Amino acid sequence: FGKHEVRRSRRGESQATVVAGGNESGNRFDQLSRPQYVFVDRDHSVYISDANNHRVMKWMGGAKQGIVVAGGQGQGNDLTQLSSPQGVVVDQFGTVYVADGWNNRIMRWPKGATQGSVIVGRNGSGGQSSQLNGPVGLSFDRHGNLYVVDNGNHLVQKFELQSNPK
């Protein structure tokens, strides 16, 4: 705790390997500050929601530093910004989906994009079906339905998106 790093452990190995961060808390590309959630893609790249830096970082295998794939423009609610990102999922096209915790929304960032789009939670914080209150986790089923852990409302919401992220 407090090391601002992500480690990989393998069965049978006695020590874990640092795969991201590990250079104290900070906002350089080789640092993290309060990493929250992790997603590993088919190529074994590691995506990390870096909450205090308000960004999602991608670390490829063996990399000494990560690249920003969502946010990274300071804390805020503009389409180029995140505010305490939480859960993160990446599809086979490299599109990043992130629970933008303090903005009460789920955002989609296509691969290489400099800004994202809001796919759920366009109506501010609240308990209505179109609102979120502190989303922390997300997942897709095989039909492209989005499930969101809505922490502040104490429930999991299901959203049938018009364009499936297959």
N, C-alpha and C. Protein backbone atom coordinates (compact mmCIF):
# COMPACT_ATOMS: atom_id res chain seq x y z
N PHE A 1 0.84 -1.19 0.00
CA PHE A 1 0.00 0.00 0.00
C PHE A 1 0.88 1.24 0.00
N GLY A 2 0.51 2.24 -0.77
CA GLY A 2 1.25 3.49 -0.79
C GLY A 2 2.46 3.50 -1.70
N LYS A 3 2.65 2.44 -2.50
CA LYS A 3 3.81 2.39 -3.38
C LYS A 3 3.51 2.93 -4.77
N HIS A 4 2.26 3.13 -5.10
CA HIS A 4 1.86 3.71 -6.39
C HIS A 4 2.45 2.90 -7.55
N GLU A 5 2.19 1.60 -7.51
CA GLU A 5 2.69 0.70 -8.53
C GLU A 5 1.71 -0.44 -8.75
N VAL A 6 1.89 -1.14 -9.86
CA VAL A 6 1.12 -2.33 -10.17
C VAL A 6 2.11 -3.47 -10.32
N ARG A 7 1.83 -4.57 -9.64
CA ARG A 7 2.71 -5.75 -9.69
C ARG A 7 1.99 -6.93 -10.31
N ARG A 8 2.76 -7.78 -10.98
CA ARG A 8 2.24 -9.03 -11.54
C ARG A 8 2.82 -10.18 -10.74
N SER A 9 1.95 -11.07 -10.31
CA SER A 9 2.37 -12.28 -9.61
C SER A 9 2.02 -13.48 -10.47
N ARG A 10 2.91 -14.45 -10.49
CA ARG A 10 2.65 -15.69 -11.22
C ARG A 10 2.68 -16.85 -10.24
N ARG A 11 1.86 -17.83 -10.53
CA ARG A 11 1.85 -19.03 -9.67
C ARG A 11 3.24 -19.63 -9.64
N GLY A 12 3.64 -20.01 -8.45
CA GLY A 12 4.94 -20.66 -8.30
C GLY A 12 6.09 -19.70 -8.10
N GLU A 13 5.88 -18.42 -8.35
CA GLU A 13 6.95 -17.44 -8.13
C GLU A 13 6.79 -16.82 -6.75
N SER A 14 7.91 -16.61 -6.08
CA SER A 14 7.85 -16.07 -4.72
C SER A 14 7.79 -14.55 -4.69
N GLN A 15 8.21 -13.90 -5.77
CA GLN A 15 8.19 -12.44 -5.78
C GLN A 15 7.39 -11.92 -6.96
N ALA A 16 6.69 -10.82 -6.73
CA ALA A 16 5.93 -10.16 -7.79
C ALA A 16 6.84 -9.21 -8.54
N THR A 17 6.50 -8.94 -9.80
CA THR A 17 7.26 -8.05 -10.66
C THR A 17 6.49 -6.75 -10.85
N VAL A 18 7.16 -5.63 -10.69
CA VAL A 18 6.53 -4.33 -10.95
C VAL A 18 6.37 -4.19 -12.46
N VAL A 19 5.13 -3.96 -12.92
CA VAL A 19 4.87 -3.78 -14.35
C VAL A 19 4.46 -2.35 -14.69
N ALA A 20 4.19 -1.53 -13.68
CA ALA A 20 3.82 -0.13 -13.92
C ALA A 20 4.08 0.67 -12.65
N GLY A 21 4.58 1.88 -12.84
CA GLY A 21 4.84 2.75 -11.69
C GLY A 21 6.06 2.29 -10.92
N GLY A 22 6.00 2.46 -9.60
CA GLY A 22 7.10 2.05 -8.74
C GLY A 22 8.16 3.10 -8.54
N ASN A 23 7.92 4.30 -9.01
CA ASN A 23 8.88 5.40 -8.90
C ASN A 23 8.33 6.52 -8.03
N GLU A 24 7.73 6.13 -6.91
CA GLU A 24 7.08 7.09 -6.01
C GLU A 24 5.83 7.67 -6.67
N SER A 25 5.05 8.38 -5.90
CA SER A 25 3.84 9.03 -6.41
C SER A 25 4.23 10.25 -7.24
N GLY A 26 3.59 10.40 -8.39
CA GLY A 26 3.87 11.56 -9.23
C GLY A 26 3.10 11.50 -10.53
N ASN A 27 3.34 12.47 -11.40
CA ASN A 27 2.58 12.54 -12.66
C ASN A 27 3.44 12.38 -13.90
N ARG A 28 4.70 11.94 -13.73
CA ARG A 28 5.51 11.64 -14.91
C ARG A 28 4.96 10.37 -15.56
N PHE A 29 5.42 10.06 -16.76
CA PHE A 29 4.94 8.88 -17.46
C PHE A 29 5.46 7.57 -16.86
N ASP A 30 6.45 7.66 -15.97
CA ASP A 30 6.93 6.47 -15.27
C ASP A 30 6.40 6.39 -13.84
N GLN A 31 5.39 7.21 -13.54
CA GLN A 31 4.82 7.26 -12.20
C GLN A 31 3.30 7.11 -12.24
N LEU A 32 2.76 6.71 -11.10
CA LEU A 32 1.32 6.66 -10.88
C LEU A 32 1.04 7.37 -9.57
N SER A 33 -0.22 7.79 -9.39
CA SER A 33 -0.63 8.37 -8.12
C SER A 33 -2.03 7.87 -7.79
N ARG A 34 -2.09 6.93 -6.88
CA ARG A 34 -3.31 6.25 -6.45
C ARG A 34 -3.92 5.42 -7.58
N PRO A 35 -3.16 4.44 -8.09
CA PRO A 35 -3.74 3.55 -9.10
C PRO A 35 -4.92 2.79 -8.50
N GLN A 36 -5.99 2.66 -9.27
CA GLN A 36 -7.22 2.06 -8.74
C GLN A 36 -7.58 0.72 -9.37
N TYR A 37 -7.79 0.70 -10.67
CA TYR A 37 -8.26 -0.50 -11.37
C TYR A 37 -7.29 -0.84 -12.48
N VAL A 38 -7.30 -2.11 -12.87
CA VAL A 38 -6.38 -2.58 -13.89
C VAL A 38 -7.13 -3.46 -14.88
N PHE A 39 -6.70 -3.40 -16.15
CA PHE A 39 -7.23 -4.27 -17.20
C PHE A 39 -6.04 -4.73 -18.03
N VAL A 40 -5.99 -6.03 -18.34
CA VAL A 40 -4.92 -6.57 -19.16
C VAL A 40 -5.53 -7.05 -20.47
N ASP A 41 -4.97 -6.57 -21.60
CA ASP A 41 -5.53 -6.95 -22.91
C ASP A 41 -4.86 -8.21 -23.45
N ARG A 42 -5.26 -8.60 -24.66
CA ARG A 42 -4.76 -9.84 -25.27
C ARG A 42 -3.25 -9.80 -25.51
N ASP A 43 -2.70 -8.61 -25.69
CA ASP A 43 -1.26 -8.45 -25.91
C ASP A 43 -0.48 -8.31 -24.60
N HIS A 44 -1.17 -8.47 -23.49
CA HIS A 44 -0.60 -8.35 -22.14
C HIS A 44 -0.21 -6.92 -21.79
N SER A 45 -0.73 -5.95 -22.52
CA SER A 45 -0.57 -4.55 -22.10
C SER A 45 -1.47 -4.33 -20.89
N VAL A 46 -0.99 -3.51 -19.96
CA VAL A 46 -1.70 -3.25 -18.72
C VAL A 46 -2.24 -1.83 -18.74
N TYR A 47 -3.55 -1.70 -18.54
CA TYR A 47 -4.22 -0.40 -18.49
C TYR A 47 -4.56 -0.12 -17.03
N ILE A 48 -4.24 1.08 -16.56
CA ILE A 48 -4.42 1.42 -15.15
C ILE A 48 -5.16 2.73 -15.02
N SER A 49 -6.21 2.75 -14.20
CA SER A 49 -6.85 4.03 -13.88
C SER A 49 -6.02 4.69 -12.79
N ASP A 50 -5.45 5.82 -13.13
CA ASP A 50 -4.50 6.56 -12.29
C ASP A 50 -5.28 7.73 -11.68
N ALA A 51 -5.95 7.45 -10.56
CA ALA A 51 -7.00 8.33 -10.03
C ALA A 51 -6.54 9.75 -9.72
N ASN A 52 -5.44 9.90 -9.00
CA ASN A 52 -5.02 11.26 -8.62
C ASN A 52 -4.45 12.06 -9.78
N ASN A 53 -4.05 11.37 -10.85
CA ASN A 53 -3.58 12.07 -12.05
C ASN A 53 -4.70 12.23 -13.08
N HIS A 54 -5.88 11.69 -12.77
CA HIS A 54 -7.07 11.87 -13.61
C HIS A 54 -6.80 11.42 -15.05
N ARG A 55 -6.25 10.19 -15.16
CA ARG A 55 -5.90 9.65 -16.47
C ARG A 55 -5.95 8.13 -16.43
N VAL A 56 -5.98 7.53 -17.62
CA VAL A 56 -5.80 6.09 -17.77
C VAL A 56 -4.49 5.90 -18.53
N MET A 57 -3.63 5.06 -17.98
CA MET A 57 -2.32 4.80 -18.57
C MET A 57 -2.26 3.39 -19.14
N LYS A 58 -1.53 3.24 -20.25
CA LYS A 58 -1.27 1.93 -20.85
C LYS A 58 0.23 1.66 -20.74
N TRP A 59 0.54 0.49 -20.18
CA TRP A 59 1.93 0.06 -20.06
C TRP A 59 2.08 -1.23 -20.86
N MET A 60 2.89 -1.19 -21.90
CA MET A 60 3.15 -2.39 -22.70
C MET A 60 4.21 -3.23 -21.99
N GLY A 61 4.25 -4.51 -22.30
CA GLY A 61 5.19 -5.41 -21.65
C GLY A 61 6.62 -4.91 -21.71
N GLY A 62 7.27 -4.87 -20.56
CA GLY A 62 8.66 -4.45 -20.48
C GLY A 62 8.91 -2.96 -20.54
N ALA A 63 7.85 -2.16 -20.69
CA ALA A 63 8.01 -0.71 -20.81
C ALA A 63 8.47 -0.10 -19.49
N LYS A 64 9.27 0.93 -19.58
CA LYS A 64 9.73 1.67 -18.40
C LYS A 64 8.81 2.83 -18.07
N GLN A 65 7.93 3.18 -19.01
CA GLN A 65 6.94 4.22 -18.76
C GLN A 65 5.69 3.91 -19.56
N GLY A 66 4.59 4.53 -19.14
CA GLY A 66 3.31 4.31 -19.81
C GLY A 66 2.97 5.44 -20.76
N ILE A 67 1.86 5.25 -21.45
CA ILE A 67 1.32 6.30 -22.31
C ILE A 67 -0.10 6.61 -21.86
N VAL A 68 -0.50 7.85 -21.99
CA VAL A 68 -1.86 8.25 -21.60
C VAL A 68 -2.81 7.86 -22.72
N VAL A 69 -3.87 7.10 -22.39
CA VAL A 69 -4.86 6.70 -23.38
C VAL A 69 -6.23 7.31 -23.11
N ALA A 70 -6.40 7.98 -21.97
CA ALA A 70 -7.64 8.69 -21.65
C ALA A 70 -7.34 9.71 -20.57
N GLY A 71 -7.90 10.90 -20.72
CA GLY A 71 -7.68 11.95 -19.73
C GLY A 71 -6.28 12.52 -19.85
N GLY A 72 -5.71 12.85 -18.69
CA GLY A 72 -4.36 13.39 -18.66
C GLY A 72 -4.27 14.89 -18.88
N GLN A 73 -5.41 15.56 -18.95
CA GLN A 73 -5.45 17.01 -19.16
C GLN A 73 -5.89 17.73 -17.89
N GLY A 74 -5.55 17.17 -16.76
CA GLY A 74 -5.96 17.74 -15.48
C GLY A 74 -7.36 17.29 -15.11
N GLN A 75 -7.73 17.56 -13.87
CA GLN A 75 -9.05 17.18 -13.38
C GLN A 75 -10.11 18.11 -13.94
N GLY A 76 -11.22 17.53 -14.39
CA GLY A 76 -12.32 18.34 -14.89
C GLY A 76 -13.36 17.49 -15.57
N ASN A 77 -14.36 18.16 -16.15
CA ASN A 77 -15.46 17.44 -16.80
C ASN A 77 -15.55 17.71 -18.29
N ASP A 78 -14.51 18.29 -18.88
CA ASP A 78 -14.45 18.46 -20.32
C ASP A 78 -14.28 17.07 -20.96
N LEU A 79 -14.52 16.94 -22.25
CA LEU A 79 -14.38 15.65 -22.92
C LEU A 79 -12.92 15.20 -23.04
N THR A 80 -11.97 16.07 -22.72
CA THR A 80 -10.55 15.70 -22.70
C THR A 80 -10.08 15.36 -21.30
N GLN A 81 -10.98 15.42 -20.32
CA GLN A 81 -10.59 15.27 -18.92
C GLN A 81 -11.37 14.16 -18.22
N LEU A 82 -10.78 13.70 -17.13
CA LEU A 82 -11.43 12.77 -16.22
C LEU A 82 -11.31 13.34 -14.81
N SER A 83 -12.10 12.78 -13.90
CA SER A 83 -12.02 13.19 -12.51
C SER A 83 -12.11 11.94 -11.63
N SER A 84 -10.96 11.48 -11.16
CA SER A 84 -10.82 10.27 -10.37
C SER A 84 -11.36 9.04 -11.11
N PRO A 85 -10.70 8.68 -12.23
CA PRO A 85 -11.15 7.50 -12.98
C PRO A 85 -11.04 6.23 -12.15
N GLN A 86 -11.98 5.32 -12.36
CA GLN A 86 -12.04 4.08 -11.60
C GLN A 86 -11.92 2.89 -12.55
N GLY A 87 -12.99 2.10 -12.69
CA GLY A 87 -12.94 0.90 -13.51
C GLY A 87 -12.60 1.20 -14.96
N VAL A 88 -11.87 0.28 -15.58
CA VAL A 88 -11.46 0.45 -16.98
C VAL A 88 -11.56 -0.89 -17.70
N VAL A 89 -12.08 -0.83 -18.94
CA VAL A 89 -12.19 -1.99 -19.82
C VAL A 89 -11.73 -1.54 -21.20
N VAL A 90 -11.04 -2.43 -21.91
CA VAL A 90 -10.56 -2.12 -23.26
C VAL A 90 -11.05 -3.22 -24.19
N ASP A 91 -11.66 -2.83 -25.32
CA ASP A 91 -12.14 -3.84 -26.26
C ASP A 91 -11.04 -4.24 -27.24
N GLN A 92 -11.36 -5.17 -28.15
CA GLN A 92 -10.35 -5.70 -29.07
C GLN A 92 -9.87 -4.67 -30.09
N PHE A 93 -10.56 -3.54 -30.21
CA PHE A 93 -10.15 -2.47 -31.12
C PHE A 93 -9.28 -1.43 -30.42
N GLY A 94 -9.05 -1.60 -29.12
CA GLY A 94 -8.26 -0.65 -28.36
C GLY A 94 -9.06 0.51 -27.81
N THR A 95 -10.38 0.44 -27.92
CA THR A 95 -11.24 1.48 -27.35
C THR A 95 -11.28 1.32 -25.83
N VAL A 96 -11.03 2.42 -25.13
CA VAL A 96 -10.99 2.42 -23.67
C VAL A 96 -12.34 2.90 -23.14
N TYR A 97 -12.91 2.15 -22.22
CA TYR A 97 -14.14 2.53 -21.52
C TYR A 97 -13.75 2.74 -20.06
N VAL A 98 -14.13 3.88 -19.50
CA VAL A 98 -13.69 4.19 -18.14
C VAL A 98 -14.83 4.76 -17.31
N ALA A 99 -14.91 4.30 -16.06
CA ALA A 99 -15.85 4.88 -15.09
C ALA A 99 -15.21 6.15 -14.56
N ASP A 100 -15.76 7.28 -14.95
CA ASP A 100 -15.24 8.60 -14.57
C ASP A 100 -15.92 8.98 -13.25
N GLY A 101 -15.34 8.49 -12.16
CA GLY A 101 -15.96 8.48 -10.84
C GLY A 101 -16.60 9.76 -10.36
N TRP A 102 -15.82 10.83 -10.25
CA TRP A 102 -16.36 12.06 -9.68
C TRP A 102 -17.20 12.84 -10.68
N ASN A 103 -17.13 12.49 -11.97
CA ASN A 103 -18.00 13.12 -12.97
C ASN A 103 -19.28 12.32 -13.19
N ASN A 104 -19.41 11.19 -12.51
CA ASN A 104 -20.64 10.38 -12.55
C ASN A 104 -21.04 10.00 -13.97
N ARG A 105 -20.05 9.50 -14.72
CA ARG A 105 -20.31 9.13 -16.11
C ARG A 105 -19.37 8.00 -16.54
N ILE A 106 -19.77 7.35 -17.64
CA ILE A 106 -18.92 6.35 -18.29
C ILE A 106 -18.51 6.96 -19.62
N MET A 107 -17.21 6.91 -19.90
CA MET A 107 -16.70 7.51 -21.13
C MET A 107 -16.07 6.46 -22.03
N ARG A 108 -16.13 6.74 -23.34
CA ARG A 108 -15.51 5.90 -24.37
C ARG A 108 -14.41 6.73 -25.04
N TRP A 109 -13.22 6.15 -25.12
CA TRP A 109 -12.08 6.81 -25.76
C TRP A 109 -11.57 5.88 -26.87
N PRO A 110 -11.88 6.16 -28.14
CA PRO A 110 -11.34 5.32 -29.22
C PRO A 110 -9.81 5.34 -29.21
N LYS A 111 -9.21 4.29 -29.72
CA LYS A 111 -7.75 4.20 -29.77
C LYS A 111 -7.16 5.43 -30.46
N GLY A 112 -6.21 6.07 -29.81
CA GLY A 112 -5.54 7.24 -30.37
C GLY A 112 -6.28 8.55 -30.24
N ALA A 113 -7.48 8.53 -29.65
CA ALA A 113 -8.29 9.76 -29.54
C ALA A 113 -7.71 10.70 -28.49
N THR A 114 -7.90 12.00 -28.71
CA THR A 114 -7.48 13.00 -27.73
C THR A 114 -8.63 13.44 -26.84
N GLN A 115 -9.83 13.00 -27.17
CA GLN A 115 -10.97 13.25 -26.29
C GLN A 115 -11.93 12.08 -26.37
N GLY A 116 -12.72 11.94 -25.32
CA GLY A 116 -13.67 10.85 -25.26
C GLY A 116 -15.08 11.34 -25.49
N SER A 117 -16.02 10.41 -25.37
CA SER A 117 -17.44 10.75 -25.45
C SER A 117 -18.15 10.09 -24.28
N VAL A 118 -19.19 10.74 -23.81
CA VAL A 118 -19.97 10.20 -22.69
C VAL A 118 -20.97 9.20 -23.25
N ILE A 119 -20.97 7.97 -22.74
CA ILE A 119 -21.93 6.98 -23.21
C ILE A 119 -23.02 6.70 -22.20
N VAL A 120 -22.76 6.98 -20.92
CA VAL A 120 -23.76 6.84 -19.86
C VAL A 120 -23.49 7.93 -18.84
N GLY A 121 -24.56 8.53 -18.32
CA GLY A 121 -24.42 9.51 -17.26
C GLY A 121 -24.32 10.94 -17.74
N ARG A 122 -25.11 11.29 -18.71
CA ARG A 122 -25.07 12.65 -19.25
C ARG A 122 -25.89 13.64 -18.42
N ASN A 123 -26.60 13.15 -17.40
CA ASN A 123 -27.56 13.99 -16.69
C ASN A 123 -27.16 14.28 -15.24
N GLY A 124 -25.87 14.34 -14.97
CA GLY A 124 -25.42 14.66 -13.62
C GLY A 124 -25.60 13.53 -12.64
N SER A 125 -25.21 13.78 -11.41
CA SER A 125 -25.30 12.79 -10.35
C SER A 125 -26.74 12.61 -9.90
N GLY A 126 -27.10 11.36 -9.62
CA GLY A 126 -28.44 11.11 -9.11
C GLY A 126 -28.81 9.65 -9.15
N GLY A 127 -30.06 9.38 -8.81
CA GLY A 127 -30.54 8.02 -8.72
C GLY A 127 -31.50 7.61 -9.81
N GLN A 128 -31.72 8.47 -10.81
CA GLN A 128 -32.60 8.10 -11.92
C GLN A 128 -31.88 7.10 -12.82
N SER A 129 -32.63 6.42 -13.69
CA SER A 129 -32.04 5.38 -14.53
C SER A 129 -31.00 5.92 -15.51
N SER A 130 -31.06 7.20 -15.84
CA SER A 130 -30.09 7.79 -16.76
C SER A 130 -28.94 8.47 -16.02
N GLN A 131 -28.90 8.31 -14.70
CA GLN A 131 -27.88 8.97 -13.89
C GLN A 131 -27.02 7.96 -13.14
N LEU A 132 -25.83 8.39 -12.78
CA LEU A 132 -24.93 7.59 -11.95
C LEU A 132 -24.52 8.43 -10.75
N ASN A 133 -24.07 7.73 -9.71
CA ASN A 133 -23.60 8.42 -8.51
C ASN A 133 -22.34 7.69 -8.02
N GLY A 134 -21.20 8.13 -8.52
CA GLY A 134 -19.93 7.50 -8.14
C GLY A 134 -19.71 6.14 -8.75
N PRO A 135 -19.74 6.02 -10.09
CA PRO A 135 -19.49 4.72 -10.71
C PRO A 135 -18.06 4.27 -10.45
N VAL A 136 -17.89 2.99 -10.13
CA VAL A 136 -16.55 2.48 -9.85
C VAL A 136 -16.12 1.33 -10.75
N GLY A 137 -17.04 0.50 -11.19
CA GLY A 137 -16.68 -0.65 -12.00
C GLY A 137 -17.57 -0.77 -13.21
N LEU A 138 -17.07 -1.44 -14.24
CA LEU A 138 -17.88 -1.66 -15.43
C LEU A 138 -17.43 -2.92 -16.14
N SER A 139 -18.37 -3.50 -16.89
CA SER A 139 -18.08 -4.70 -17.66
C SER A 139 -19.12 -4.83 -18.77
N PHE A 140 -18.74 -5.50 -19.85
CA PHE A 140 -19.65 -5.78 -20.95
C PHE A 140 -19.94 -7.27 -20.98
N ASP A 141 -21.18 -7.63 -21.36
CA ASP A 141 -21.47 -9.03 -21.61
C ASP A 141 -21.25 -9.31 -23.11
N ARG A 142 -21.46 -10.55 -23.52
CA ARG A 142 -21.18 -10.92 -24.91
C ARG A 142 -22.15 -10.30 -25.91
N HIS A 143 -23.24 -9.73 -25.41
CA HIS A 143 -24.21 -9.06 -26.27
C HIS A 143 -23.96 -7.56 -26.38
N GLY A 144 -22.92 -7.07 -25.72
CA GLY A 144 -22.59 -5.65 -25.76
C GLY A 144 -23.32 -4.81 -24.74
N ASN A 145 -24.04 -5.45 -23.82
CA ASN A 145 -24.68 -4.70 -22.74
C ASN A 145 -23.63 -4.26 -21.73
N LEU A 146 -23.78 -3.06 -21.24
CA LEU A 146 -22.84 -2.49 -20.27
C LEU A 146 -23.41 -2.60 -18.87
N TYR A 147 -22.61 -3.12 -17.94
CA TYR A 147 -22.99 -3.20 -16.53
C TYR A 147 -22.09 -2.25 -15.76
N VAL A 148 -22.70 -1.41 -14.92
CA VAL A 148 -21.95 -0.41 -14.16
C VAL A 148 -22.22 -0.59 -12.67
N VAL A 149 -21.15 -0.68 -11.90
CA VAL A 149 -21.26 -0.67 -10.44
C VAL A 149 -21.43 0.78 -10.03
N ASP A 150 -22.65 1.12 -9.61
CA ASP A 150 -23.03 2.49 -9.24
C ASP A 150 -22.94 2.58 -7.72
N ASN A 151 -21.75 2.91 -7.24
CA ASN A 151 -21.45 2.84 -5.81
C ASN A 151 -22.36 3.71 -4.96
N GLY A 152 -22.57 4.96 -5.36
CA GLY A 152 -23.37 5.88 -4.56
C GLY A 152 -24.84 5.52 -4.49
N ASN A 153 -25.34 4.79 -5.49
CA ASN A 153 -26.73 4.35 -5.49
C ASN A 153 -26.87 2.91 -5.00
N HIS A 154 -25.76 2.27 -4.64
CA HIS A 154 -25.75 0.92 -4.07
C HIS A 154 -26.42 -0.10 -4.99
N LEU A 155 -26.06 -0.06 -6.27
CA LEU A 155 -26.63 -1.02 -7.21
C LEU A 155 -25.74 -1.20 -8.42
N VAL A 156 -26.07 -2.22 -9.21
CA VAL A 156 -25.44 -2.44 -10.51
C VAL A 156 -26.49 -2.14 -11.56
N GLN A 157 -26.16 -1.25 -12.48
CA GLN A 157 -27.10 -0.89 -13.54
C GLN A 157 -26.68 -1.54 -14.85
N LYS A 158 -27.67 -1.96 -15.64
CA LYS A 158 -27.44 -2.53 -16.96
C LYS A 158 -27.90 -1.52 -18.01
N PHE A 159 -27.05 -1.29 -19.01
CA PHE A 159 -27.39 -0.37 -20.09
C PHE A 159 -27.26 -1.10 -21.41
N GLU A 160 -28.32 -1.03 -22.22
CA GLU A 160 -28.28 -1.59 -23.56
C GLU A 160 -27.86 -0.47 -24.50
N LEU A 161 -26.63 -0.53 -24.94
CA LEU A 161 -26.09 0.54 -25.79
C LEU A 161 -26.52 0.32 -27.23
N GLN A 162 -26.75 1.42 -27.94
CA GLN A 162 -27.20 1.32 -29.33
C GLN A 162 -26.12 0.78 -30.24
N SER A 163 -24.88 1.21 -30.04
CA SER A 163 -23.78 0.67 -30.84
C SER A 163 -22.93 -0.22 -29.95
N ASN A 164 -23.02 -1.50 -30.18
CA ASN A 164 -22.32 -2.47 -29.34
C ASN A 164 -20.81 -2.37 -29.56
N PRO A 165 -20.03 -2.52 -28.48
CA PRO A 165 -18.57 -2.37 -28.56
C PRO A 165 -17.85 -3.65 -28.98
N LYS A 166 -18.47 -4.48 -29.80
CA LYS A 166 -17.90 -5.78 -30.17
C LYS A 166 -16.54 -5.67 -30.79
